[in-house]
N, C-alpha and C. Protein backbone atom coordinates (compact mmCIF):
# COMPACT_ATOMS: atom_id res chain seq x y z
N UNK A 1 157.26 39.16 26.41
CA UNK A 1 157.11 40.58 26.76
C UNK A 1 156.56 40.74 28.16
N UNK A 2 155.52 39.91 28.46
CA UNK A 2 154.91 39.97 29.79
C UNK A 2 155.93 39.59 30.85
N UNK A 3 156.77 38.61 30.52
CA UNK A 3 157.80 38.18 31.46
C UNK A 3 158.79 39.30 31.75
N UNK A 4 159.11 40.08 30.68
CA UNK A 4 160.04 41.19 30.85
C UNK A 4 159.45 42.27 31.73
N UNK A 5 158.15 42.59 31.52
CA UNK A 5 157.48 43.61 32.35
C UNK A 5 157.43 43.18 33.80
N UNK A 6 157.16 41.90 34.00
CA UNK A 6 157.09 41.38 35.36
C UNK A 6 158.44 41.50 36.05
N UNK A 7 159.50 41.20 35.30
CA UNK A 7 160.86 41.27 35.85
C UNK A 7 161.23 42.71 36.19
N UNK A 8 160.84 43.64 35.29
CA UNK A 8 161.14 45.05 35.54
C UNK A 8 160.39 45.57 36.75
N UNK A 9 159.15 45.16 36.89
CA UNK A 9 158.35 45.60 38.04
C UNK A 9 158.94 45.08 39.34
N UNK A 10 159.36 43.81 39.30
CA UNK A 10 159.97 43.22 40.49
C UNK A 10 161.27 43.94 40.84
N UNK A 11 162.04 44.28 39.81
CA UNK A 11 163.30 44.99 40.05
C UNK A 11 163.06 46.37 40.63
N UNK A 12 162.05 47.06 40.06
CA UNK A 12 161.72 48.40 40.57
C UNK A 12 161.25 48.32 42.02
N UNK A 13 160.44 47.33 42.33
CA UNK A 13 159.94 47.17 43.69
C UNK A 13 161.08 46.88 44.65
N UNK A 14 161.99 46.00 44.20
CA UNK A 14 163.13 45.68 45.05
C UNK A 14 164.02 46.89 45.27
N UNK A 15 164.18 47.70 44.20
CA UNK A 15 164.97 48.91 44.32
C UNK A 15 164.36 49.90 45.29
N UNK A 16 163.02 50.05 45.22
CA UNK A 16 162.33 50.95 46.14
C UNK A 16 162.48 50.49 47.58
N UNK A 17 162.34 49.19 47.76
CA UNK A 17 162.48 48.64 49.11
C UNK A 17 163.88 48.90 49.66
N UNK A 18 164.88 48.69 48.82
CA UNK A 18 166.27 48.91 49.24
C UNK A 18 166.50 50.37 49.62
N UNK A 19 165.95 51.28 48.80
CA UNK A 19 166.10 52.70 49.10
C UNK A 19 165.43 53.05 50.42
N UNK A 20 164.23 52.50 50.61
CA UNK A 20 163.47 52.79 51.83
C UNK A 20 164.22 52.28 53.05
N UNK A 21 164.77 51.07 52.95
CA UNK A 21 165.50 50.49 54.07
C UNK A 21 166.72 51.33 54.40
N UNK A 22 167.45 51.73 53.35
CA UNK A 22 168.65 52.55 53.56
C UNK A 22 168.31 53.90 54.20
N UNK A 23 167.30 54.57 53.63
CA UNK A 23 166.91 55.88 54.16
C UNK A 23 166.36 55.76 55.58
N UNK A 24 165.65 54.69 55.86
CA UNK A 24 165.10 54.48 57.20
C UNK A 24 166.21 54.29 58.22
N UNK A 25 167.19 53.46 57.87
CA UNK A 25 168.31 53.23 58.78
C UNK A 25 169.11 54.51 59.00
N UNK A 26 169.31 55.27 57.91
CA UNK A 26 170.05 56.53 58.03
C UNK A 26 169.29 57.52 58.92
N UNK A 27 167.98 57.63 58.68
CA UNK A 27 167.17 58.55 59.50
C UNK A 27 167.15 58.12 60.96
N UNK A 28 167.05 56.80 61.18
CA UNK A 28 167.03 56.28 62.55
C UNK A 28 168.34 56.59 63.27
N UNK A 29 169.45 56.36 62.59
CA UNK A 29 170.75 56.64 63.19
C UNK A 29 170.92 58.13 63.47
N UNK A 30 170.48 58.96 62.52
CA UNK A 30 170.60 60.41 62.69
C UNK A 30 169.76 60.90 63.87
N UNK A 31 168.54 60.40 63.98
CA UNK A 31 167.66 60.82 65.07
C UNK A 31 168.21 60.37 66.41
N UNK A 32 168.68 59.12 66.48
CA UNK A 32 169.20 58.59 67.74
C UNK A 32 170.41 59.39 68.21
N UNK A 33 171.33 59.68 67.28
CA UNK A 33 172.52 60.45 67.64
C UNK A 33 172.14 61.86 68.09
N UNK A 34 171.22 62.49 67.34
CA UNK A 34 170.83 63.87 67.67
C UNK A 34 170.12 63.93 69.02
N UNK A 35 169.17 63.02 69.22
CA UNK A 35 168.42 63.03 70.48
C UNK A 35 169.34 62.67 71.65
N UNK A 36 170.22 61.69 71.43
CA UNK A 36 171.15 61.28 72.49
C UNK A 36 172.03 62.46 72.91
N UNK A 37 172.55 63.18 71.94
CA UNK A 37 173.40 64.34 72.24
C UNK A 37 172.62 65.41 72.99
N UNK A 38 171.40 65.71 72.50
CA UNK A 38 170.59 66.76 73.12
C UNK A 38 170.20 66.38 74.55
N UNK A 39 169.74 65.14 74.74
CA UNK A 39 169.32 64.71 76.07
C UNK A 39 170.49 64.69 77.04
N UNK A 40 171.64 64.18 76.57
CA UNK A 40 172.81 64.12 77.46
C UNK A 40 173.29 65.53 77.82
N UNK A 41 173.25 66.45 76.85
CA UNK A 41 173.66 67.82 77.12
C UNK A 41 172.73 68.47 78.13
N UNK A 42 171.43 68.27 77.97
CA UNK A 42 170.46 68.81 78.92
C UNK A 42 170.64 68.19 80.31
N UNK A 43 170.94 66.90 80.33
CA UNK A 43 171.15 66.22 81.61
C UNK A 43 172.35 66.79 82.34
N UNK A 44 173.45 67.00 81.62
CA UNK A 44 174.65 67.56 82.25
C UNK A 44 174.38 68.96 82.80
N UNK A 45 173.62 69.74 82.05
CA UNK A 45 173.28 71.07 82.52
C UNK A 45 172.43 71.03 83.78
N UNK A 46 171.47 70.09 83.80
CA UNK A 46 170.61 69.95 84.98
C UNK A 46 171.42 69.50 86.19
N UNK A 47 172.30 68.51 86.00
CA UNK A 47 173.10 68.01 87.12
C UNK A 47 174.04 69.10 87.65
N UNK A 48 174.59 69.88 86.74
CA UNK A 48 175.50 70.97 87.17
C UNK A 48 174.73 71.97 88.02
N UNK A 49 173.54 72.35 87.58
CA UNK A 49 172.74 73.31 88.33
C UNK A 49 172.27 72.72 89.66
N UNK A 50 171.90 71.43 89.63
CA UNK A 50 171.46 70.77 90.86
C UNK A 50 172.59 70.75 91.89
N UNK A 51 173.79 70.39 91.46
CA UNK A 51 174.92 70.33 92.39
C UNK A 51 175.31 71.72 92.89
N UNK A 52 175.14 72.73 92.04
CA UNK A 52 175.43 74.10 92.48
C UNK A 52 174.48 74.50 93.60
N UNK A 53 173.19 74.20 93.42
CA UNK A 53 172.20 74.52 94.45
C UNK A 53 172.46 73.72 95.72
N UNK A 54 172.83 72.44 95.55
CA UNK A 54 173.11 71.60 96.71
C UNK A 54 174.28 72.14 97.52
N UNK A 55 175.36 72.52 96.83
CA UNK A 55 176.54 73.06 97.51
C UNK A 55 176.18 74.35 98.25
N UNK A 56 175.42 75.21 97.60
CA UNK A 56 175.03 76.47 98.25
C UNK A 56 174.19 76.21 99.49
N UNK A 57 173.30 75.23 99.41
CA UNK A 57 172.45 74.91 100.56
C UNK A 57 173.26 74.33 101.71
N UNK A 58 174.21 73.46 101.37
CA UNK A 58 175.07 72.86 102.40
C UNK A 58 175.87 73.95 103.11
N UNK A 59 176.41 74.87 102.35
CA UNK A 59 177.20 75.95 102.95
C UNK A 59 176.37 76.82 103.88
N UNK A 60 175.19 77.21 103.42
CA UNK A 60 174.33 78.08 104.23
C UNK A 60 173.88 77.36 105.50
N UNK A 61 173.45 76.09 105.36
CA UNK A 61 173.00 75.34 106.54
C UNK A 61 174.13 75.16 107.56
N UNK A 62 175.32 74.83 107.06
CA UNK A 62 176.45 74.61 107.96
C UNK A 62 176.87 75.90 108.66
N UNK A 63 176.87 77.00 107.93
CA UNK A 63 177.25 78.28 108.53
C UNK A 63 176.25 78.71 109.59
N UNK A 64 174.96 78.52 109.32
CA UNK A 64 173.94 78.87 110.33
C UNK A 64 174.05 77.98 111.56
N UNK A 65 174.30 76.69 111.34
CA UNK A 65 174.42 75.77 112.48
C UNK A 65 175.67 76.07 113.30
N UNK A 66 176.76 76.46 112.63
CA UNK A 66 178.01 76.76 113.35
C UNK A 66 177.82 77.94 114.29
N UNK A 67 176.95 78.87 113.90
CA UNK A 67 176.70 80.03 114.77
C UNK A 67 176.00 79.63 116.05
N UNK A 68 175.29 78.49 116.01
CA UNK A 68 174.56 78.05 117.20
C UNK A 68 175.42 77.21 118.14
N UNK A 69 176.62 76.85 117.70
CA UNK A 69 177.50 76.01 118.51
C UNK A 69 178.43 76.90 119.34
N UNK A 70 178.42 76.68 120.65
CA UNK A 70 179.30 77.45 121.54
C UNK A 70 180.61 76.71 121.74
N UNK A 71 181.69 77.37 121.35
CA UNK A 71 183.00 76.76 121.53
C UNK A 71 183.35 76.57 122.99
N UNK A 72 182.91 77.50 123.84
CA UNK A 72 183.20 77.38 125.28
C UNK A 72 182.54 76.14 125.87
N UNK A 73 181.35 75.80 125.40
CA UNK A 73 180.68 74.60 125.89
C UNK A 73 181.46 73.34 125.48
N UNK A 74 182.01 73.36 124.29
CA UNK A 74 182.81 72.21 123.84
C UNK A 74 184.05 72.03 124.72
N UNK A 75 184.61 73.15 125.19
CA UNK A 75 185.82 73.10 126.00
C UNK A 75 185.50 72.74 127.45
N UNK A 76 184.48 73.39 128.00
CA UNK A 76 184.19 73.24 129.44
C UNK A 76 183.53 71.91 129.78
N UNK A 77 182.60 71.46 128.95
CA UNK A 77 181.89 70.21 129.26
C UNK A 77 181.51 69.50 127.96
N UNK A 78 182.45 68.76 127.37
CA UNK A 78 182.17 68.08 126.10
C UNK A 78 180.99 67.11 126.18
N UNK A 79 180.82 66.42 127.30
CA UNK A 79 179.73 65.46 127.43
C UNK A 79 178.38 66.15 127.38
N UNK A 80 178.24 67.25 128.12
CA UNK A 80 176.98 68.00 128.10
C UNK A 80 176.75 68.62 126.72
N UNK A 81 177.82 69.07 126.10
CA UNK A 81 177.69 69.65 124.75
C UNK A 81 177.22 68.60 123.75
N UNK A 82 177.72 67.38 123.91
CA UNK A 82 177.31 66.31 123.01
C UNK A 82 175.81 66.04 123.12
N UNK A 83 175.30 66.03 124.37
CA UNK A 83 173.86 65.80 124.59
C UNK A 83 173.04 66.95 123.99
N UNK A 84 173.46 68.16 124.24
CA UNK A 84 172.73 69.33 123.77
C UNK A 84 172.66 69.37 122.24
N UNK A 85 173.81 69.23 121.59
CA UNK A 85 173.83 69.39 120.15
C UNK A 85 173.32 68.16 119.40
N UNK A 86 173.26 67.03 120.10
CA UNK A 86 172.63 65.85 119.50
C UNK A 86 171.14 66.09 119.30
N UNK A 87 170.56 66.94 120.15
CA UNK A 87 169.13 67.26 120.05
C UNK A 87 168.86 68.42 119.09
N UNK A 88 169.84 69.30 118.93
CA UNK A 88 169.62 70.51 118.14
C UNK A 88 170.02 70.37 116.68
N UNK A 89 171.23 69.89 116.44
CA UNK A 89 171.79 69.91 115.09
C UNK A 89 171.04 69.10 114.04
N UNK A 90 170.47 67.94 114.39
CA UNK A 90 169.74 67.20 113.34
C UNK A 90 168.62 68.02 112.70
N UNK A 91 167.95 68.86 113.49
CA UNK A 91 166.87 69.68 112.95
C UNK A 91 167.39 70.83 112.10
N UNK A 92 168.61 71.22 112.34
CA UNK A 92 169.19 72.33 111.59
C UNK A 92 169.90 71.88 110.32
N UNK A 93 170.38 70.64 110.31
CA UNK A 93 171.26 70.21 109.23
C UNK A 93 170.71 69.11 108.33
N UNK A 94 169.80 68.30 108.82
CA UNK A 94 169.36 67.15 108.03
C UNK A 94 168.15 67.50 107.20
N UNK A 95 168.22 67.23 105.89
CA UNK A 95 167.12 67.48 104.97
C UNK A 95 166.20 66.28 104.98
N UNK A 96 164.92 66.52 105.31
CA UNK A 96 163.95 65.43 105.40
C UNK A 96 163.16 65.22 104.12
N UNK A 97 163.57 65.88 103.05
CA UNK A 97 162.85 65.76 101.78
C UNK A 97 163.25 64.47 101.07
N UNK A 98 162.30 63.53 100.93
CA UNK A 98 162.61 62.24 100.33
C UNK A 98 162.85 62.34 98.83
N UNK A 99 162.39 63.42 98.20
CA UNK A 99 162.54 63.58 96.76
C UNK A 99 163.73 64.45 96.39
N UNK A 100 164.67 64.58 97.29
CA UNK A 100 165.80 65.48 97.08
C UNK A 100 166.91 64.83 96.25
N UNK A 101 166.92 63.52 96.15
CA UNK A 101 167.93 62.77 95.39
C UNK A 101 169.34 63.00 95.92
N UNK A 102 169.44 63.28 97.22
CA UNK A 102 170.75 63.41 97.84
C UNK A 102 170.69 62.82 99.24
N UNK A 103 171.86 62.45 99.75
CA UNK A 103 171.99 61.92 101.11
C UNK A 103 172.92 62.84 101.87
N UNK A 104 172.52 63.23 103.08
CA UNK A 104 173.33 64.14 103.88
C UNK A 104 173.76 63.50 105.19
N UNK A 105 174.86 64.00 105.71
CA UNK A 105 175.36 63.54 107.01
C UNK A 105 176.09 64.70 107.66
N UNK A 106 176.06 64.73 109.00
CA UNK A 106 176.77 65.78 109.71
C UNK A 106 177.56 65.19 110.87
N UNK A 107 178.56 65.93 111.29
CA UNK A 107 179.36 65.52 112.44
C UNK A 107 179.87 66.74 113.19
N UNK A 108 179.76 66.70 114.50
CA UNK A 108 180.33 67.76 115.35
C UNK A 108 181.48 67.13 116.13
N UNK A 109 182.65 67.72 116.00
CA UNK A 109 183.86 67.16 116.60
C UNK A 109 184.41 68.11 117.66
N UNK A 110 185.00 67.51 118.67
CA UNK A 110 185.77 68.27 119.64
C UNK A 110 187.25 68.22 119.21
N UNK A 111 187.93 69.36 119.27
CA UNK A 111 189.33 69.42 118.87
C UNK A 111 190.20 69.77 120.07
N UNK A 112 191.17 68.90 120.35
CA UNK A 112 192.07 69.13 121.48
C UNK A 112 193.39 68.41 121.25
N UNK A 113 194.47 69.13 121.47
CA UNK A 113 195.82 68.55 121.34
C UNK A 113 196.06 67.91 119.97
N UNK A 114 195.57 68.58 118.94
CA UNK A 114 195.80 68.10 117.58
C UNK A 114 194.96 66.92 117.17
N UNK A 115 193.92 66.60 117.95
CA UNK A 115 193.10 65.42 117.64
C UNK A 115 191.62 65.79 117.62
N UNK A 116 190.90 65.19 116.67
CA UNK A 116 189.45 65.34 116.58
C UNK A 116 188.78 64.14 117.23
N UNK A 117 187.74 64.39 118.00
CA UNK A 117 186.92 63.31 118.56
C UNK A 117 185.46 63.65 118.31
N UNK A 118 184.68 62.66 117.91
CA UNK A 118 183.28 62.88 117.54
C UNK A 118 182.45 63.10 118.80
N UNK A 119 181.67 64.19 118.79
CA UNK A 119 180.72 64.46 119.86
C UNK A 119 179.32 63.97 119.50
N UNK A 120 178.91 64.26 118.29
CA UNK A 120 177.61 63.81 117.81
C UNK A 120 177.59 63.85 116.28
N UNK A 121 176.62 63.17 115.70
CA UNK A 121 176.51 63.15 114.25
C UNK A 121 176.02 61.81 113.75
N UNK A 122 176.07 61.65 112.45
CA UNK A 122 175.65 60.41 111.81
C UNK A 122 176.80 59.42 111.77
N UNK A 123 176.47 58.17 111.92
CA UNK A 123 177.47 57.13 111.71
C UNK A 123 177.48 56.83 110.22
N UNK A 124 178.20 57.65 109.48
CA UNK A 124 178.12 57.59 108.03
C UNK A 124 179.50 57.59 107.39
N UNK A 125 179.60 56.88 106.26
CA UNK A 125 180.85 56.89 105.49
C UNK A 125 181.07 58.24 104.80
N UNK A 126 180.04 59.08 104.81
CA UNK A 126 180.17 60.39 104.18
C UNK A 126 181.09 61.32 104.97
N UNK A 127 181.20 61.09 106.26
CA UNK A 127 182.01 61.98 107.09
C UNK A 127 183.50 61.70 106.89
N UNK A 128 184.25 62.73 106.55
CA UNK A 128 185.66 62.53 106.19
C UNK A 128 186.63 63.35 107.03
N UNK A 129 186.11 64.18 107.93
CA UNK A 129 186.98 65.10 108.67
C UNK A 129 188.09 64.38 109.43
N UNK A 130 187.76 63.23 110.00
CA UNK A 130 188.76 62.50 110.79
C UNK A 130 189.91 61.99 109.96
N UNK A 131 189.69 61.84 108.67
CA UNK A 131 190.74 61.31 107.79
C UNK A 131 191.55 62.41 107.11
N UNK A 132 191.20 63.65 107.36
CA UNK A 132 191.89 64.79 106.73
C UNK A 132 192.91 65.37 107.71
N UNK A 133 194.12 65.62 107.26
CA UNK A 133 195.12 66.22 108.16
C UNK A 133 194.62 67.53 108.77
N UNK A 134 194.84 67.69 110.06
CA UNK A 134 194.39 68.89 110.77
C UNK A 134 194.92 70.16 110.11
N UNK A 135 196.15 70.09 109.62
CA UNK A 135 196.75 71.27 109.01
C UNK A 135 196.00 71.75 107.77
N UNK A 136 195.18 70.88 107.17
CA UNK A 136 194.43 71.29 105.98
C UNK A 136 193.30 72.25 106.33
N UNK A 137 192.57 71.97 107.41
CA UNK A 137 191.42 72.82 107.74
C UNK A 137 191.71 73.83 108.86
N UNK A 138 192.74 73.59 109.66
CA UNK A 138 193.05 74.48 110.76
C UNK A 138 194.02 75.57 110.30
N UNK A 139 193.45 76.71 109.93
CA UNK A 139 194.25 77.84 109.47
C UNK A 139 194.14 78.99 110.48
N UNK A 140 194.96 79.98 110.31
CA UNK A 140 194.94 81.13 111.23
C UNK A 140 193.60 81.87 111.15
N UNK A 141 193.01 81.87 109.97
CA UNK A 141 191.74 82.57 109.79
C UNK A 141 190.54 81.73 110.21
N UNK A 142 190.76 80.43 110.46
CA UNK A 142 189.68 79.49 110.78
C UNK A 142 188.58 79.55 109.72
N UNK A 143 189.02 79.58 108.46
CA UNK A 143 188.07 79.65 107.34
C UNK A 143 187.45 78.28 107.08
N UNK A 144 186.25 78.25 106.51
CA UNK A 144 185.63 76.97 106.13
C UNK A 144 186.52 76.21 105.14
N UNK A 145 186.46 74.91 105.23
CA UNK A 145 187.27 74.05 104.36
C UNK A 145 186.32 73.11 103.62
N UNK A 146 186.56 72.91 102.33
CA UNK A 146 185.67 72.07 101.53
C UNK A 146 186.44 71.05 100.71
N UNK A 147 185.79 69.92 100.50
CA UNK A 147 186.34 68.85 99.66
C UNK A 147 185.25 68.47 98.66
N UNK A 148 185.61 68.50 97.37
CA UNK A 148 184.63 68.21 96.32
C UNK A 148 185.05 67.00 95.50
N UNK A 149 184.06 66.23 95.10
CA UNK A 149 184.26 65.19 94.09
C UNK A 149 183.04 65.24 93.17
N UNK A 150 182.95 64.32 92.23
CA UNK A 150 181.88 64.41 91.23
C UNK A 150 180.49 64.42 91.86
N UNK A 151 180.26 63.52 92.80
CA UNK A 151 178.93 63.42 93.40
C UNK A 151 178.97 63.51 94.93
N UNK A 152 180.04 64.04 95.49
CA UNK A 152 180.11 64.23 96.93
C UNK A 152 180.66 65.62 97.25
N UNK A 153 180.15 66.17 98.35
CA UNK A 153 180.62 67.49 98.79
C UNK A 153 180.72 67.49 100.30
N UNK A 154 181.87 67.95 100.81
CA UNK A 154 182.13 67.98 102.25
C UNK A 154 182.50 69.42 102.63
N UNK A 155 181.80 69.94 103.64
CA UNK A 155 182.02 71.33 104.06
C UNK A 155 182.27 71.33 105.56
N UNK A 156 183.42 71.87 105.96
CA UNK A 156 183.84 71.85 107.36
C UNK A 156 184.10 73.27 107.86
N UNK A 157 183.56 73.56 109.04
CA UNK A 157 183.72 74.89 109.64
C UNK A 157 184.37 74.75 111.02
N UNK A 158 185.55 75.32 111.23
CA UNK A 158 186.18 75.28 112.55
C UNK A 158 185.35 76.06 113.58
N UNK A 159 185.29 75.54 114.78
CA UNK A 159 184.59 76.20 115.88
C UNK A 159 185.63 76.75 116.85
N UNK A 160 185.45 77.99 117.26
CA UNK A 160 186.42 78.61 118.19
C UNK A 160 185.73 78.98 119.50
N UNK A 161 186.53 79.07 120.57
CA UNK A 161 185.99 79.49 121.87
C UNK A 161 186.04 81.01 121.97
N UNK A 162 185.71 81.52 123.15
CA UNK A 162 185.66 82.97 123.33
C UNK A 162 187.05 83.61 123.24
N UNK A 163 188.09 82.80 123.34
CA UNK A 163 189.46 83.31 123.21
C UNK A 163 189.95 83.30 121.76
N UNK A 164 189.13 82.77 120.87
CA UNK A 164 189.50 82.70 119.46
C UNK A 164 190.32 81.48 119.10
N UNK A 165 190.41 80.53 120.02
CA UNK A 165 191.17 79.31 119.75
C UNK A 165 190.26 78.21 119.19
N UNK A 166 190.77 77.48 118.22
CA UNK A 166 189.99 76.38 117.63
C UNK A 166 189.77 75.29 118.67
N UNK A 167 188.52 74.91 118.83
CA UNK A 167 188.19 73.87 119.81
C UNK A 167 187.23 72.82 119.26
N UNK A 168 186.86 72.97 118.03
CA UNK A 168 185.94 72.00 117.46
C UNK A 168 185.82 72.16 115.96
N UNK A 169 185.03 71.29 115.37
CA UNK A 169 184.82 71.32 113.92
C UNK A 169 183.42 70.80 113.61
N UNK A 170 182.73 71.50 112.73
CA UNK A 170 181.41 71.07 112.27
C UNK A 170 181.51 70.67 110.81
N UNK A 171 181.09 69.46 110.50
CA UNK A 171 181.13 68.97 109.12
C UNK A 171 179.73 68.65 108.63
N UNK A 172 179.42 69.11 107.43
CA UNK A 172 178.17 68.75 106.76
C UNK A 172 178.52 68.25 105.36
N UNK A 173 178.12 67.02 105.07
CA UNK A 173 178.49 66.40 103.79
C UNK A 173 177.24 65.92 103.07
N UNK A 174 177.33 65.83 101.76
CA UNK A 174 176.20 65.36 100.96
C UNK A 174 176.70 64.52 99.80
N UNK A 175 175.88 63.55 99.42
CA UNK A 175 176.16 62.69 98.26
C UNK A 175 174.97 62.76 97.32
N UNK A 176 175.23 63.05 96.04
CA UNK A 176 174.14 63.22 95.08
C UNK A 176 174.20 62.19 93.96
N UNK A 177 174.73 61.01 94.24
CA UNK A 177 174.86 60.00 93.18
C UNK A 177 173.50 59.52 92.68
N UNK A 178 172.44 59.71 93.49
CA UNK A 178 171.11 59.29 93.05
C UNK A 178 170.66 60.08 91.83
N UNK A 179 171.13 61.31 91.68
CA UNK A 179 170.76 62.11 90.53
C UNK A 179 171.37 61.53 89.26
N UNK A 180 172.54 60.90 89.39
CA UNK A 180 173.16 60.23 88.24
C UNK A 180 172.35 59.00 87.85
N UNK A 181 171.89 58.23 88.83
CA UNK A 181 171.05 57.07 88.55
C UNK A 181 169.76 57.49 87.86
N UNK A 182 169.15 58.57 88.35
CA UNK A 182 167.93 59.09 87.74
C UNK A 182 168.20 59.53 86.30
N UNK A 183 169.33 60.20 86.07
CA UNK A 183 169.68 60.66 84.73
C UNK A 183 169.85 59.50 83.76
N UNK A 184 170.53 58.44 84.20
CA UNK A 184 170.70 57.26 83.35
C UNK A 184 169.36 56.65 82.97
N UNK A 185 168.47 56.58 83.95
CA UNK A 185 167.15 55.99 83.71
C UNK A 185 166.34 56.83 82.72
N UNK A 186 166.35 58.13 82.91
CA UNK A 186 165.59 59.01 82.03
C UNK A 186 166.15 58.98 80.61
N UNK A 187 167.47 58.99 80.48
CA UNK A 187 168.09 58.92 79.15
C UNK A 187 167.66 57.64 78.43
N UNK A 188 167.68 56.53 79.15
CA UNK A 188 167.31 55.25 78.56
C UNK A 188 165.86 55.25 78.11
N UNK A 189 164.97 55.78 78.95
CA UNK A 189 163.54 55.80 78.61
C UNK A 189 163.28 56.70 77.41
N UNK A 190 163.90 57.88 77.39
CA UNK A 190 163.69 58.82 76.29
C UNK A 190 164.20 58.25 74.97
N UNK A 191 165.40 57.67 74.99
CA UNK A 191 165.97 57.11 73.76
C UNK A 191 165.13 55.93 73.26
N UNK A 192 164.67 55.08 74.17
CA UNK A 192 163.84 53.94 73.77
C UNK A 192 162.55 54.42 73.13
N UNK A 193 161.95 55.45 73.71
CA UNK A 193 160.70 56.00 73.18
C UNK A 193 160.90 56.60 71.81
N UNK A 194 161.99 57.36 71.65
CA UNK A 194 162.28 58.00 70.36
C UNK A 194 162.54 56.95 69.28
N UNK A 195 163.34 55.94 69.61
CA UNK A 195 163.64 54.88 68.63
C UNK A 195 162.37 54.17 68.20
N UNK A 196 161.51 53.84 69.15
CA UNK A 196 160.25 53.16 68.81
C UNK A 196 159.37 54.05 67.94
N UNK A 197 159.28 55.33 68.27
CA UNK A 197 158.46 56.25 67.50
C UNK A 197 158.98 56.39 66.08
N UNK A 198 160.30 56.48 65.92
CA UNK A 198 160.89 56.61 64.58
C UNK A 198 160.65 55.35 63.76
N UNK A 199 160.81 54.19 64.37
CA UNK A 199 160.59 52.93 63.66
C UNK A 199 159.15 52.82 63.18
N UNK A 200 158.20 53.15 64.05
CA UNK A 200 156.78 53.10 63.67
C UNK A 200 156.49 54.09 62.56
N UNK A 201 157.04 55.31 62.67
CA UNK A 201 156.80 56.33 61.64
C UNK A 201 157.40 55.91 60.30
N UNK A 202 158.61 55.36 60.32
CA UNK A 202 159.24 54.92 59.08
C UNK A 202 158.47 53.76 58.45
N UNK A 203 158.01 52.86 59.28
CA UNK A 203 157.25 51.73 58.77
C UNK A 203 155.95 52.19 58.11
N UNK A 204 155.28 53.13 58.76
CA UNK A 204 154.04 53.66 58.19
C UNK A 204 154.31 54.44 56.90
N UNK A 205 155.38 55.22 56.89
CA UNK A 205 155.73 55.99 55.70
C UNK A 205 156.12 55.08 54.54
N UNK A 206 156.75 53.96 54.84
CA UNK A 206 157.24 53.06 53.79
C UNK A 206 156.11 52.32 53.08
N UNK A 207 154.98 52.23 53.73
CA UNK A 207 153.88 51.46 53.14
C UNK A 207 153.43 52.03 51.80
N UNK A 208 153.51 53.37 51.65
CA UNK A 208 153.05 53.97 50.40
C UNK A 208 153.95 53.61 49.21
N UNK A 209 155.16 53.18 49.48
CA UNK A 209 156.06 52.76 48.41
C UNK A 209 156.07 51.25 48.21
N UNK A 210 155.73 50.54 49.24
CA UNK A 210 155.80 49.08 49.16
C UNK A 210 154.50 48.47 48.67
N UNK A 211 153.38 49.00 49.13
CA UNK A 211 152.09 48.39 48.81
C UNK A 211 151.72 48.49 47.33
N UNK A 212 151.85 49.67 46.66
CA UNK A 212 151.45 49.75 45.24
C UNK A 212 152.17 48.74 44.34
N UNK A 213 153.51 48.59 44.43
CA UNK A 213 154.15 47.58 43.57
C UNK A 213 153.66 46.16 43.85
N UNK A 214 153.39 45.88 45.11
CA UNK A 214 152.89 44.55 45.45
C UNK A 214 151.51 44.32 44.85
N UNK A 215 150.65 45.35 44.91
CA UNK A 215 149.31 45.23 44.34
C UNK A 215 149.39 45.04 42.83
N UNK A 216 150.30 45.80 42.20
CA UNK A 216 150.46 45.68 40.73
C UNK A 216 150.92 44.27 40.35
N UNK A 217 151.86 43.75 41.12
CA UNK A 217 152.34 42.40 40.82
C UNK A 217 151.23 41.36 40.97
N UNK A 218 150.45 41.52 42.03
CA UNK A 218 149.34 40.58 42.24
C UNK A 218 148.30 40.70 41.13
N UNK A 219 148.02 41.94 40.72
CA UNK A 219 147.03 42.17 39.66
C UNK A 219 147.50 41.55 38.34
N UNK A 220 148.76 41.76 38.00
CA UNK A 220 149.29 41.21 36.76
C UNK A 220 149.30 39.69 36.80
N UNK A 221 149.64 39.15 37.97
CA UNK A 221 149.66 37.70 38.10
C UNK A 221 148.28 37.10 37.92
N UNK A 222 147.28 37.76 38.47
CA UNK A 222 145.91 37.29 38.31
C UNK A 222 145.45 37.41 36.86
N UNK A 223 145.86 38.50 36.22
CA UNK A 223 145.48 38.71 34.80
C UNK A 223 146.11 37.63 33.93
N UNK A 224 147.36 37.32 34.19
CA UNK A 224 148.04 36.30 33.41
C UNK A 224 147.44 34.92 33.64
N UNK A 225 147.00 34.70 34.88
CA UNK A 225 146.39 33.39 35.19
C UNK A 225 145.07 33.21 34.43
N UNK A 226 144.31 34.30 34.26
CA UNK A 226 143.03 34.21 33.54
C UNK A 226 143.25 33.94 32.07
N UNK A 227 144.36 34.46 31.54
CA UNK A 227 144.66 34.21 30.12
C UNK A 227 145.10 32.77 29.91
């Protein structure tokens, strides 16, 4: 009879352990999926808003800087214009905030006979105006031209002389791939923290089901040994 009770107790304990393990794994999977979805959704929303603000800032900065560039100076004395705007434009266009998570570059070009030539700017792979067909940005209205990708934005404004003829181009570009790196890092840290917290909580919660059967088995074993 004692042997039967011992077997039943062991079976019940094993059954409880199995249930706890199953429920713990299910809860862990559910929490990880839910948190992962929520964090990723919030991250996408933040990146979308960040890029919107970045694009707006690039446009405003480039438009203000273009107003300071004289097209007649570009036509009459390109060398002097290069010296002048090399001193002025960096202060108007370059963001010195190290915590901005973006990289910016600018270029001022002289336009003549269907060709762009760099007057001043950054020696950067971000600048793309020279690789874009003139017909894309040179329109009758001389409207700003933009090129977008997932983490890069290029904004170009044609410069005209006093006669209204296109004589130059101002480009301001930005790359925000660092925000993607930051997002990946934060997602990883948050998920790791949540998984660890859930595992610790489940382990602590499981003790109330695991310890009593173990104590009962030990007590019965000691009682049987005394007999």
